[in-house]
Amino acid sequence: MAAASVDTKIKKRDDHLRSADFFDAAKYPDITFSVEAISPAADGVTVAGGLTVRGTTRPVSFGATVSGDDGEVTLDAEVPVNRADWGLTFNQLGMMGTKIAITVHAVFTKQ
């Protein structure tokens, strides 16, 4: 995903998130996740891979629910991460926590 594509519906906040205080979208234009493994789990699958933000890649593993039909498979998950692990430490007023959740909705289509 393009770091500059962040959209919270509040322009001032979006501009700040794109700045060097957070994603630094000008210097690090992409946020990526590279899947290394998908394995069966009790409630769906476990996905493991590397999340790259601001040029730093860290391992991330999460459970996802699976659905599918007509040659498509969809994975849905909410992934808790510590934003400080990727250098996102700006907290001018001391009011922000370090834990955030990333919502994942990935669709795979049979070619």
PDB file of N, CA and C in Angstrom:
ATOM      1  N   MET A   1       0.847  -1.170   0.000  1.00  0.00           N
ATOM      2  CA  MET A   1       0.000   0.000   0.000  1.00  0.00           C
ATOM      3  C   MET A   1       0.890   1.229   0.000  1.00  0.00           C
ATOM      4  N   ALA A   2       0.411   2.250  -0.604  1.00  0.00           N
ATOM      5  CA  ALA A   2       1.155   3.507  -0.615  1.00  0.00           C
ATOM      6  C   ALA A   2       0.965   4.213   0.729  1.00  0.00           C
ATOM      7  N   ALA A   3       2.056   4.584   1.368  1.00  0.00           N
ATOM      8  CA  ALA A   3       1.975   5.266   2.659  1.00  0.00           C
ATOM      9  C   ALA A   3       1.176   6.564   2.550  1.00  0.00           C
ATOM     10  N   ALA A   4       1.246   7.207   1.407  1.00  0.00           N
ATOM     11  CA  ALA A   4       0.518   8.460   1.202  1.00  0.00           C
ATOM     12  C   ALA A   4      -0.981   8.243   1.026  1.00  0.00           C
ATOM     13  N   SER A   5      -1.409   6.988   0.916  1.00  0.00           N
ATOM     14  CA  SER A   5      -2.833   6.727   0.698  1.00  0.00           C
ATOM     15  C   SER A   5      -3.626   6.652   2.003  1.00  0.00           C
ATOM     16  N   VAL A   6      -2.962   6.819   3.151  1.00  0.00           N
ATOM     17  CA  VAL A   6      -3.681   6.772   4.424  1.00  0.00           C
ATOM     18  C   VAL A   6      -4.824   7.779   4.386  1.00  0.00           C
ATOM     19  N   ASP A   7      -6.003   7.338   4.837  1.00  0.00           N
ATOM     20  CA  ASP A   7      -7.178   8.201   4.755  1.00  0.00           C
ATOM     21  C   ASP A   7      -8.060   7.982   5.975  1.00  0.00           C
ATOM     22  N   THR A   8      -7.983   8.902   6.926  1.00  0.00           N
ATOM     23  CA  THR A   8      -8.804   8.827   8.138  1.00  0.00           C
ATOM     24  C   THR A   8     -10.029   9.731   8.030  1.00  0.00           C
ATOM     25  N   LYS A   9     -10.188  10.383   6.891  1.00  0.00           N
ATOM     26  CA  LYS A   9     -11.281  11.333   6.628  1.00  0.00           C
ATOM     27  C   LYS A   9     -11.077  12.670   7.335  1.00  0.00           C
ATOM     28  N   ILE A  10      -9.881  12.869   7.906  1.00  0.00           N
ATOM     29  CA  ILE A  10      -9.540  14.152   8.538  1.00  0.00           C
ATOM     30  C   ILE A  10      -8.225  14.611   7.916  1.00  0.00           C
ATOM     31  N   LYS A  11      -8.293  15.595   7.004  1.00  0.00           N
ATOM     32  CA  LYS A  11      -7.141  16.002   6.208  1.00  0.00           C
ATOM     33  C   LYS A  11      -5.933  16.372   7.061  1.00  0.00           C
ATOM     34  N   LYS A  12      -6.131  17.152   8.101  1.00  0.00           N
ATOM     35  CA  LYS A  12      -5.003  17.582   8.934  1.00  0.00           C
ATOM     36  C   LYS A  12      -4.301  16.372   9.560  1.00  0.00           C
ATOM     37  N   ARG A  13      -5.076  15.416  10.063  1.00  0.00           N
ATOM     38  CA  ARG A  13      -4.484  14.214  10.642  1.00  0.00           C
ATOM     39  C   ARG A  13      -3.789  13.383   9.561  1.00  0.00           C
ATOM     40  N   ASP A  14      -4.425  13.231   8.400  1.00  0.00           N
ATOM     41  CA  ASP A  14      -3.821  12.462   7.303  1.00  0.00           C
ATOM     42  C   ASP A  14      -2.486  13.068   6.880  1.00  0.00           C
ATOM     43  N   ASP A  15      -2.440  14.389   6.745  1.00  0.00           N
ATOM     44  CA  ASP A  15      -1.190  15.062   6.374  1.00  0.00           C
ATOM     45  C   ASP A  15      -0.108  14.806   7.420  1.00  0.00           C
ATOM     46  N   HIS A  16      -0.484  14.824   8.698  1.00  0.00           N
ATOM     47  CA  HIS A  16       0.488  14.574   9.759  1.00  0.00           C
ATOM     48  C   HIS A  16       0.966  13.120   9.727  1.00  0.00           C
ATOM     49  N   LEU A  17       0.054  12.172   9.498  1.00  0.00           N
ATOM     50  CA  LEU A  17       0.445  10.765   9.404  1.00  0.00           C
ATOM     51  C   LEU A  17       1.398  10.517   8.236  1.00  0.00           C
ATOM     52  N   ARG A  18       1.250  11.269   7.157  1.00  0.00           N
ATOM     53  CA  ARG A  18       2.122  11.121   5.981  1.00  0.00           C
ATOM     54  C   ARG A  18       3.481  11.794   6.189  1.00  0.00           C
ATOM     55  N   SER A  19       3.599  12.646   7.202  1.00  0.00           N
ATOM     56  CA  SER A  19       4.821  13.423   7.436  1.00  0.00           C
ATOM     57  C   SER A  19       5.918  12.561   8.054  1.00  0.00           C
ATOM     58  N   ALA A  20       7.088  13.169   8.228  1.00  0.00           N
ATOM     59  CA  ALA A  20       8.237  12.482   8.831  1.00  0.00           C
ATOM     60  C   ALA A  20       7.988  12.090  10.283  1.00  0.00           C
ATOM     61  N   ASP A  21       6.997  12.691  10.944  1.00  0.00           N
ATOM     62  CA  ASP A  21       6.667  12.302  12.317  1.00  0.00           C
ATOM     63  C   ASP A  21       6.143  10.863  12.389  1.00  0.00           C
ATOM     64  N   PHE A  22       5.521  10.408  11.306  1.00  0.00           N
ATOM     65  CA  PHE A  22       4.935   9.072  11.301  1.00  0.00           C
ATOM     66  C   PHE A  22       5.468   8.250  10.124  1.00  0.00           C
ATOM     67  N   PHE A  23       4.698   8.140   9.040  1.00  0.00           N
ATOM     68  CA  PHE A  23       5.075   7.241   7.932  1.00  0.00           C
ATOM     69  C   PHE A  23       6.183   7.776   7.037  1.00  0.00           C
ATOM     70  N   ASP A  24       6.420   9.079   7.045  1.00  0.00           N
ATOM     71  CA  ASP A  24       7.438   9.696   6.185  1.00  0.00           C
ATOM     72  C   ASP A  24       7.263   9.214   4.747  1.00  0.00           C
ATOM     73  N   ALA A  25       6.072   9.423   4.222  1.00  0.00           N
ATOM     74  CA  ALA A  25       5.690   8.897   2.906  1.00  0.00           C
ATOM     75  C   ALA A  25       6.580   9.394   1.765  1.00  0.00           C
ATOM     76  N   ALA A  26       7.159  10.562   1.901  1.00  0.00           N
ATOM     77  CA  ALA A  26       8.048  11.064   0.846  1.00  0.00           C
ATOM     78  C   ALA A  26       9.316  10.215   0.757  1.00  0.00           C
ATOM     79  N   LYS A  27       9.853   9.795   1.884  1.00  0.00           N
ATOM     80  CA  LYS A  27      11.083   9.010   1.917  1.00  0.00           C
ATOM     81  C   LYS A  27      10.807   7.511   1.806  1.00  0.00           C
ATOM     82  N   TYR A  28       9.692   7.052   2.396  1.00  0.00           N
ATOM     83  CA  TYR A  28       9.326   5.628   2.408  1.00  0.00           C
ATOM     84  C   TYR A  28       7.918   5.492   1.826  1.00  0.00           C
ATOM     85  N   PRO A  29       7.792   5.472   0.515  1.00  0.00           N
ATOM     86  CA  PRO A  29       6.472   5.548  -0.121  1.00  0.00           C
ATOM     87  C   PRO A  29       5.588   4.311   0.057  1.00  0.00           C
ATOM     88  N   ASP A  30       6.158   3.159   0.429  1.00  0.00           N
ATOM     89  CA  ASP A  30       5.352   1.946   0.501  1.00  0.00           C
ATOM     90  C   ASP A  30       5.351   1.315   1.885  1.00  0.00           C
ATOM     91  N   ILE A  31       4.214   0.766   2.241  1.00  0.00           N
ATOM     92  CA  ILE A  31       4.064  -0.097   3.406  1.00  0.00           C
ATOM     93  C   ILE A  31       3.721  -1.464   2.831  1.00  0.00           C
ATOM     94  N   THR A  32       4.524  -2.483   3.151  1.00  0.00           N
ATOM     95  CA  THR A  32       4.311  -3.791   2.527  1.00  0.00           C
ATOM     96  C   THR A  32       4.259  -4.902   3.573  1.00  0.00           C
ATOM     97  N   PHE A  33       3.597  -5.981   3.179  1.00  0.00           N
ATOM     98  CA  PHE A  33       3.603  -7.205   3.970  1.00  0.00           C
ATOM     99  C   PHE A  33       3.935  -8.343   3.023  1.00  0.00           C
ATOM    100  N   SER A  34       4.985  -9.087   3.323  1.00  0.00           N
ATOM    101  CA  SER A  34       5.401 -10.233   2.517  1.00  0.00           C
ATOM    102  C   SER A  34       5.025 -11.509   3.265  1.00  0.00           C
ATOM    103  N   VAL A  35       4.142 -12.292   2.660  1.00  0.00           N
ATOM    104  CA  VAL A  35       3.703 -13.543   3.275  1.00  0.00           C
ATOM    105  C   VAL A  35       4.805 -14.589   3.143  1.00  0.00           C
ATOM    106  N   GLU A  36       5.174 -15.187   4.270  1.00  0.00           N
ATOM    107  CA  GLU A  36       6.167 -16.261   4.279  1.00  0.00           C
ATOM    108  C   GLU A  36       5.516 -17.620   4.453  1.00  0.00           C
ATOM    109  N   ALA A  37       4.377 -17.669   5.154  1.00  0.00           N
ATOM    110  CA  ALA A  37       3.693 -18.948   5.379  1.00  0.00           C
ATOM    111  C   ALA A  37       2.234 -18.715   5.734  1.00  0.00           C
ATOM    112  N   ILE A  38       1.390 -19.618   5.274  1.00  0.00           N
ATOM    113  CA  ILE A  38      -0.013 -19.673   5.680  1.00  0.00           C
ATOM    114  C   ILE A  38      -0.267 -21.111   6.090  1.00  0.00           C
ATOM    115  N   SER A  39      -0.744 -21.289   7.320  1.00  0.00           N
ATOM    116  CA  SER A  39      -0.978 -22.644   7.803  1.00  0.00           C
ATOM    117  C   SER A  39      -2.367 -22.751   8.434  1.00  0.00           C
ATOM    118  N   PRO A  40      -2.974 -23.942   8.374  1.00  0.00           N
ATOM    119  CA  PRO A  40      -4.305 -24.128   8.952  1.00  0.00           C
ATOM    120  C   PRO A  40      -4.290 -23.861  10.455  1.00  0.00           C
ATOM    121  N   ALA A  41      -5.383 -23.309  10.955  1.00  0.00           N
ATOM    122  CA  ALA A  41      -5.558 -23.059  12.388  1.00  0.00           C
ATOM    123  C   ALA A  41      -7.003 -23.396  12.746  1.00  0.00           C
ATOM    124  N   ALA A  42      -7.305 -23.471  14.013  1.00  0.00           N
ATOM    125  CA  ALA A  42      -8.636 -23.870  14.476  1.00  0.00           C
ATOM    126  C   ALA A  42      -9.752 -22.996  13.900  1.00  0.00           C
ATOM    127  N   ASP A  43      -9.522 -21.684  13.833  1.00  0.00           N
ATOM    128  CA  ASP A  43     -10.562 -20.762  13.371  1.00  0.00           C
ATOM    129  C   ASP A  43     -10.302 -20.198  11.980  1.00  0.00           C
ATOM    130  N   GLY A  44      -9.437 -20.822  11.205  1.00  0.00           N
ATOM    131  CA  GLY A  44      -9.119 -20.321   9.866  1.00  0.00           C
ATOM    132  C   GLY A  44      -7.702 -20.665   9.497  1.00  0.00           C
ATOM    133  N   VAL A  45      -6.847 -19.641   9.424  1.00  0.00           N
ATOM    134  CA  VAL A  45      -5.440 -19.850   9.096  1.00  0.00           C
ATOM    135  C   VAL A  45      -4.577 -18.922   9.945  1.00  0.00           C
ATOM    136  N   THR A  46      -3.301 -19.284  10.055  1.00  0.00           N
ATOM    137  CA  THR A  46      -2.313 -18.403  10.648  1.00  0.00           C
ATOM    138  C   THR A  46      -1.410 -17.917   9.526  1.00  0.00           C
ATOM    139  N   VAL A  47      -1.237 -16.619   9.447  1.00  0.00           N
ATOM    140  CA  VAL A  47      -0.409 -15.999   8.415  1.00  0.00           C
ATOM    141  C   VAL A  47       0.842 -15.458   9.081  1.00  0.00           C
ATOM    142  N   ALA A  48       2.003 -15.763   8.527  1.00  0.00           N
ATOM    143  CA  ALA A  48       3.274 -15.261   9.050  1.00  0.00           C
ATOM    144  C   ALA A  48       4.024 -14.578   7.925  1.00  0.00           C
ATOM    145  N   GLY A  49       4.697 -13.502   8.256  1.00  0.00           N
ATOM    146  CA  GLY A  49       5.461 -12.795   7.240  1.00  0.00           C
ATOM    147  C   GLY A  49       6.180 -11.602   7.817  1.00  0.00           C
ATOM    148  N   GLY A  50       6.570 -10.690   6.935  1.00  0.00           N
ATOM    149  CA  GLY A  50       7.303  -9.500   7.351  1.00  0.00           C
ATOM    150  C   GLY A  50       6.562  -8.234   6.961  1.00  0.00           C
ATOM    151  N   LEU A  51       6.335  -7.355   7.924  1.00  0.00           N
ATOM    152  CA  LEU A  51       5.700  -6.064   7.692  1.00  0.00           C
ATOM    153  C   LEU A  51       6.794  -5.014   7.620  1.00  0.00           C
ATOM    154  N   THR A  52       6.810  -4.265   6.499  1.00  0.00           N
ATOM    155  CA  THR A  52       7.813  -3.217   6.303  1.00  0.00           C
ATOM    156  C   THR A  52       7.140  -1.851   6.353  1.00  0.00           C
ATOM    157  N   VAL A  53       7.603  -1.027   7.300  1.00  0.00           N
ATOM    158  CA  VAL A  53       7.120   0.340   7.465  1.00  0.00           C
ATOM    159  C   VAL A  53       8.352   1.207   7.699  1.00  0.00           C
ATOM    160  N   ARG A  54       8.452   2.321   6.984  1.00  0.00           N
ATOM    161  CA  ARG A  54       9.594   3.238   7.129  1.00  0.00           C
ATOM    162  C   ARG A  54      10.931   2.526   6.907  1.00  0.00           C
ATOM    163  N   GLY A  55      10.958   1.549   5.998  1.00  0.00           N
ATOM    164  CA  GLY A  55      12.190   0.853   5.665  1.00  0.00           C
ATOM    165  C   GLY A  55      12.614  -0.200   6.674  1.00  0.00           C
ATOM    166  N   THR A  56      11.806  -0.426   7.710  1.00  0.00           N
ATOM    167  CA  THR A  56      12.112  -1.427   8.730  1.00  0.00           C
ATOM    168  C   THR A  56      11.148  -2.597   8.587  1.00  0.00           C
ATOM    169  N   THR A  57      11.703  -3.818   8.497  1.00  0.00           N
ATOM    170  CA  THR A  57      10.881  -5.018   8.385  1.00  0.00           C
ATOM    171  C   THR A  57      10.943  -5.790   9.701  1.00  0.00           C
ATOM    172  N   ARG A  58       9.779  -6.134  10.204  1.00  0.00           N
ATOM    173  CA  ARG A  58       9.661  -6.914  11.435  1.00  0.00           C
ATOM    174  C   ARG A  58       8.734  -8.096  11.158  1.00  0.00           C
ATOM    175  N   PRO A  59       8.989  -9.239  11.835  1.00  0.00           N
ATOM    176  CA  PRO A  59       8.101 -10.392  11.657  1.00  0.00           C
ATOM    177  C   PRO A  59       6.742 -10.130  12.306  1.00  0.00           C
ATOM    178  N   VAL A  60       5.696 -10.568  11.632  1.00  0.00           N
ATOM    179  CA  VAL A  60       4.328 -10.438  12.139  1.00  0.00           C
ATOM    180  C   VAL A  60       3.604 -11.745  11.840  1.00  0.00           C
ATOM    181  N   SER A  61       2.858 -12.225  12.815  1.00  0.00           N
ATOM    182  CA  SER A  61       2.054 -13.434  12.646  1.00  0.00           C
ATOM    183  C   SER A  61       0.665 -13.145  13.188  1.00  0.00           C
ATOM    184  N   PHE A  62      -0.364 -13.608  12.475  1.00  0.00           N
ATOM    185  CA  PHE A  62      -1.727 -13.338  12.921  1.00  0.00           C
ATOM    186  C   PHE A  62      -2.690 -14.398  12.412  1.00  0.00           C
ATOM    187  N   GLY A  63      -3.786 -14.541  13.121  1.00  0.00           N
ATOM    188  CA  GLY A  63      -4.854 -15.442  12.705  1.00  0.00           C
ATOM    189  C   GLY A  63      -5.804 -14.711  11.778  1.00  0.00           C
ATOM    190  N   ALA A  64      -6.337 -15.429  10.797  1.00  0.00           N
ATOM    191  CA  ALA A  64      -7.280 -14.835   9.852  1.00  0.00           C
ATOM    192  C   ALA A  64      -8.426 -15.804   9.590  1.00  0.00           C
ATOM    193  N   THR A  65      -9.613 -15.255   9.378  1.00  0.00           N
ATOM    194  CA  THR A  65     -10.737 -16.083   8.965  1.00  0.00           C
ATOM    195  C   THR A  65     -10.686 -16.223   7.449  1.00  0.00           C
ATOM    196  N   VAL A  66     -11.227 -17.324   6.956  1.00  0.00           N
ATOM    197  CA  VAL A  66     -11.168 -17.629   5.528  1.00  0.00           C
ATOM    198  C   VAL A  66     -12.582 -17.812   4.998  1.00  0.00           C
ATOM    199  N   SER A  67     -12.843 -17.216   3.839  1.00  0.00           N
ATOM    200  CA  SER A  67     -14.098 -17.458   3.128  1.00  0.00           C
ATOM    201  C   SER A  67     -13.773 -17.517   1.647  1.00  0.00           C
ATOM    202  N   GLY A  68     -14.668 -18.045   0.878  1.00  0.00           N
ATOM    203  CA  GLY A  68     -14.386 -18.099  -0.551  1.00  0.00           C
ATOM    204  C   GLY A  68     -15.493 -18.722  -1.361  1.00  0.00           C
ATOM    205  N   ASP A  69     -15.486 -18.371  -2.646  1.00  0.00           N
ATOM    206  CA  ASP A  69     -16.374 -18.965  -3.642  1.00  0.00           C
ATOM    207  C   ASP A  69     -15.938 -18.512  -5.026  1.00  0.00           C
ATOM    208  N   ASP A  70     -16.353 -19.221  -6.045  1.00  0.00           N
ATOM    209  CA  ASP A  70     -16.086 -18.848  -7.442  1.00  0.00           C
ATOM    210  C   ASP A  70     -14.625 -18.520  -7.731  1.00  0.00           C
ATOM    211  N   GLY A  71     -13.706 -19.326  -7.191  1.00  0.00           N
ATOM    212  CA  GLY A  71     -12.293 -19.132  -7.499  1.00  0.00           C
ATOM    213  C   GLY A  71     -11.616 -18.045  -6.707  1.00  0.00           C
ATOM    214  N   GLU A  72     -12.287 -17.492  -5.683  1.00  0.00           N
ATOM    215  CA  GLU A  72     -11.679 -16.477  -4.838  1.00  0.00           C
ATOM    216  C   GLU A  72     -11.600 -16.972  -3.402  1.00  0.00           C
ATOM    217  N   VAL A  73     -10.528 -16.622  -2.732  1.00  0.00           N
ATOM    218  CA  VAL A  73     -10.367 -16.895  -1.309  1.00  0.00           C
ATOM    219  C   VAL A  73     -10.105 -15.560  -0.625  1.00  0.00           C
ATOM    220  N   THR A  74     -10.828 -15.303   0.457  1.00  0.00           N
ATOM    221  CA  THR A  74     -10.689 -14.046   1.186  1.00  0.00           C
ATOM    222  C   THR A  74     -10.206 -14.321   2.600  1.00  0.00           C
ATOM    223  N   LEU A  75      -9.199 -13.562   3.025  1.00  0.00           N
ATOM    224  CA  LEU A  75      -8.701 -13.615   4.394  1.00  0.00           C
ATOM    225  C   LEU A  75      -9.040 -12.293   5.069  1.00  0.00           C
ATOM    226  N   ASP A  76      -9.592 -12.374   6.266  1.00  0.00           N
ATOM    227  CA  ASP A  76      -9.900 -11.181   7.046  1.00  0.00           C
ATOM    228  C   ASP A  76      -9.268 -11.310   8.427  1.00  0.00           C
ATOM    229  N   ALA A  77      -8.671 -10.215   8.909  1.00  0.00           N
ATOM    230  CA  ALA A  77      -8.015 -10.247  10.214  1.00  0.00           C
ATOM    231  C   ALA A  77      -7.870  -8.843  10.763  1.00  0.00           C
ATOM    232  N   GLU A  78      -7.714  -8.786  12.065  1.00  0.00           N
ATOM    233  CA  GLU A  78      -7.299  -7.558  12.737  1.00  0.00           C
ATOM    234  C   GLU A  78      -5.993  -7.894  13.438  1.00  0.00           C
ATOM    235  N   VAL A  79      -4.943  -7.139  13.110  1.00  0.00           N
ATOM    236  CA  VAL A  79      -3.599  -7.470  13.555  1.00  0.00           C
ATOM    237  C   VAL A  79      -3.103  -6.408  14.533  1.00  0.00           C
ATOM    238  N   PRO A  80      -2.929  -6.766  15.814  1.00  0.00           N
ATOM    239  CA  PRO A  80      -2.382  -5.798  16.767  1.00  0.00           C
ATOM    240  C   PRO A  80      -0.861  -5.709  16.622  1.00  0.00           C
ATOM    241  N   VAL A  81      -0.333  -4.497  16.599  1.00  0.00           N
ATOM    242  CA  VAL A  81       1.113  -4.283  16.533  1.00  0.00           C
ATOM    243  C   VAL A  81       1.488  -3.123  17.452  1.00  0.00           C
ATOM    244  N   ASN A  82       2.770  -3.050  17.776  1.00  0.00           N
ATOM    245  CA  ASN A  82       3.313  -1.945  18.548  1.00  0.00           C
ATOM    246  C   ASN A  82       3.973  -0.998  17.546  1.00  0.00           C
ATOM    247  N   ARG A  83       3.408   0.164  17.336  1.00  0.00           N
ATOM    248  CA  ARG A  83       3.895   1.081  16.302  1.00  0.00           C
ATOM    249  C   ARG A  83       5.338   1.514  16.548  1.00  0.00           C
ATOM    250  N   ALA A  84       5.783   1.480  17.788  1.00  0.00           N
ATOM    251  CA  ALA A  84       7.161   1.860  18.113  1.00  0.00           C
ATOM    252  C   ALA A  84       8.173   0.898  17.501  1.00  0.00           C
ATOM    253  N   ASP A  85       7.765  -0.351  17.229  1.00  0.00           N
ATOM    254  CA  ASP A  85       8.663  -1.320  16.596  1.00  0.00           C
ATOM    255  C   ASP A  85       9.104  -0.875  15.205  1.00  0.00           C
ATOM    256  N   TRP A  86       8.365   0.039  14.604  1.00  0.00           N
ATOM    257  CA  TRP A  86       8.706   0.546  13.267  1.00  0.00           C
ATOM    258  C   TRP A  86       9.125   2.014  13.319  1.00  0.00           C
ATOM    259  N   GLY A  87       9.469   2.503  14.483  1.00  0.00           N
ATOM    260  CA  GLY A  87       9.949   3.872  14.603  1.00  0.00           C
ATOM    261  C   GLY A  87       8.857   4.917  14.625  1.00  0.00           C
ATOM    262  N   LEU A  88       7.609   4.509  14.807  1.00  0.00           N
ATOM    263  CA  LEU A  88       6.493   5.463  14.857  1.00  0.00           C
ATOM    264  C   LEU A  88       6.273   5.856  16.319  1.00  0.00           C
ATOM    265  N   THR A  89       7.133   6.732  16.821  1.00  0.00           N
ATOM    266  CA  THR A  89       7.139   7.055  18.243  1.00  0.00           C
ATOM    267  C   THR A  89       6.642   8.462  18.565  1.00  0.00           C
ATOM    268  N   PHE A  90       6.295   9.250  17.553  1.00  0.00           N
ATOM    269  CA  PHE A  90       5.832  10.618  17.807  1.00  0.00           C
ATOM    270  C   PHE A  90       4.652  10.591  18.778  1.00  0.00           C
ATOM    271  N   ASN A  91       4.734  11.402  19.815  1.00  0.00           N
ATOM    272  CA  ASN A  91       3.688  11.463  20.831  1.00  0.00           C
ATOM    273  C   ASN A  91       3.843  12.767  21.595  1.00  0.00           C
ATOM    274  N   GLN A  92       3.657  13.871  20.892  1.00  0.00           N
ATOM    275  CA  GLN A  92       3.951  15.196  21.424  1.00  0.00           C
ATOM    276  C   GLN A  92       3.249  15.486  22.750  1.00  0.00           C
ATOM    277  N   LEU A  93       2.004  15.091  22.897  1.00  0.00           N
ATOM    278  CA  LEU A  93       1.258  15.406  24.114  1.00  0.00           C
ATOM    279  C   LEU A  93       1.219  14.247  25.104  1.00  0.00           C
ATOM    280  N   GLY A  94       1.852  13.144  24.767  1.00  0.00           N
ATOM    281  CA  GLY A  94       1.866  11.996  25.663  1.00  0.00           C
ATOM    282  C   GLY A  94       0.519  11.321  25.800  1.00  0.00           C
ATOM    283  N   MET A  95      -0.360  11.484  24.815  1.00  0.00           N
ATOM    284  CA  MET A  95      -1.721  10.949  24.912  1.00  0.00           C
ATOM    285  C   MET A  95      -1.941   9.715  24.047  1.00  0.00           C
ATOM    286  N   MET A  96      -0.989   9.366  23.198  1.00  0.00           N
ATOM    287  CA  MET A  96      -1.176   8.254  22.281  1.00  0.00           C
ATOM    288  C   MET A  96      -0.527   6.993  22.831  1.00  0.00           C
ATOM    289  N   GLY A  97      -1.223   5.874  22.692  1.00  0.00           N
ATOM    290  CA  GLY A  97      -0.638   4.600  23.055  1.00  0.00           C
ATOM    291  C   GLY A  97       0.242   4.085  21.928  1.00  0.00           C
ATOM    292  N   THR A  98       0.984   3.023  22.198  1.00  0.00           N
ATOM    293  CA  THR A  98       1.850   2.456  21.166  1.00  0.00           C
ATOM    294  C   THR A  98       1.188   1.291  20.445  1.00  0.00           C
ATOM    295  N   LYS A  99       0.117   0.744  20.995  1.00  0.00           N
ATOM    296  CA  LYS A  99      -0.560  -0.390  20.374  1.00  0.00           C
ATOM    297  C   LYS A  99      -1.589   0.115  19.372  1.00  0.00           C
ATOM    298  N   ILE A 100      -1.533  -0.436  18.153  1.00  0.00           N
ATOM    299  CA  ILE A 100      -2.520  -0.117  17.128  1.00  0.00           C
ATOM    300  C   ILE A 100      -2.993  -1.426  16.513  1.00  0.00           C
ATOM    301  N   ALA A 101      -4.079  -1.377  15.770  1.00  0.00           N
ATOM    302  CA  ALA A 101      -4.578  -2.561  15.075  1.00  0.00           C
ATOM    303  C   ALA A 101      -4.653  -2.252  13.587  1.00  0.00           C
ATOM    304  N   ILE A 102      -4.158  -3.179  12.791  1.00  0.00           N
ATOM    305  CA  ILE A 102      -4.230  -3.073  11.341  1.00  0.00           C
ATOM    306  C   ILE A 102      -5.331  -4.009  10.879  1.00  0.00           C
ATOM    307  N   THR A 103      -6.260  -3.516  10.076  1.00  0.00           N
ATOM    308  CA  THR A 103      -7.312  -4.356   9.533  1.00  0.00           C
ATOM    309  C   THR A 103      -6.869  -4.870   8.175  1.00  0.00           C
ATOM    310  N   VAL A 104      -6.944  -6.191   8.010  1.00  0.00           N
ATOM    311  CA  VAL A 104      -6.504  -6.831   6.772  1.00  0.00           C
ATOM    312  C   VAL A 104      -7.712  -7.451   6.077  1.00  0.00           C
ATOM    313  N   HIS A 105      -7.856  -7.162   4.801  1.00  0.00           N
ATOM    314  CA  HIS A 105      -8.862  -7.803   3.953  1.00  0.00           C
ATOM    315  C   HIS A 105      -8.153  -8.117   2.640  1.00  0.00           C
ATOM    316  N   ALA A 106      -7.787  -9.377   2.462  1.00  0.00           N
ATOM    317  CA  ALA A 106      -7.030  -9.778   1.271  1.00  0.00           C
ATOM    318  C   ALA A 106      -7.854 -10.762   0.456  1.00  0.00           C
ATOM    319  N   VAL A 107      -7.934 -10.516  -0.844  1.00  0.00           N
ATOM    320  CA  VAL A 107      -8.668 -11.406  -1.746  1.00  0.00           C
ATOM    321  C   VAL A 107      -7.697 -12.007  -2.739  1.00  0.00           C
ATOM    322  N   PHE A 108      -7.720 -13.322  -2.830  1.00  0.00           N
ATOM    323  CA  PHE A 108      -6.875 -14.065  -3.772  1.00  0.00           C
ATOM    324  C   PHE A 108      -7.775 -14.666  -4.834  1.00  0.00           C
ATOM    325  N   THR A 109      -7.428 -14.424  -6.096  1.00  0.00           N
ATOM    326  CA  THR A 109      -8.230 -14.912  -7.210  1.00  0.00           C
ATOM    327  C   THR A 109      -7.462 -15.939  -7.998  1.00  0.00           C
ATOM    328  N   LYS A 110      -8.123 -17.046  -8.299  1.00  0.00           N
ATOM    329  CA  LYS A 110      -7.503 -18.085  -9.111  1.00  0.00           C
ATOM    330  C   LYS A 110      -7.326 -17.566 -10.526  1.00  0.00           C
ATOM    331  N   GLN A 111      -6.124 -17.708 -11.054  1.00  0.00           N
ATOM    332  CA  GLN A 111      -5.810 -17.212 -12.402  1.00  0.00           C
ATOM    333  C   GLN A 111      -6.170 -18.251 -13.440  1.00  0.00           C
TER     334      GLN A 111
END
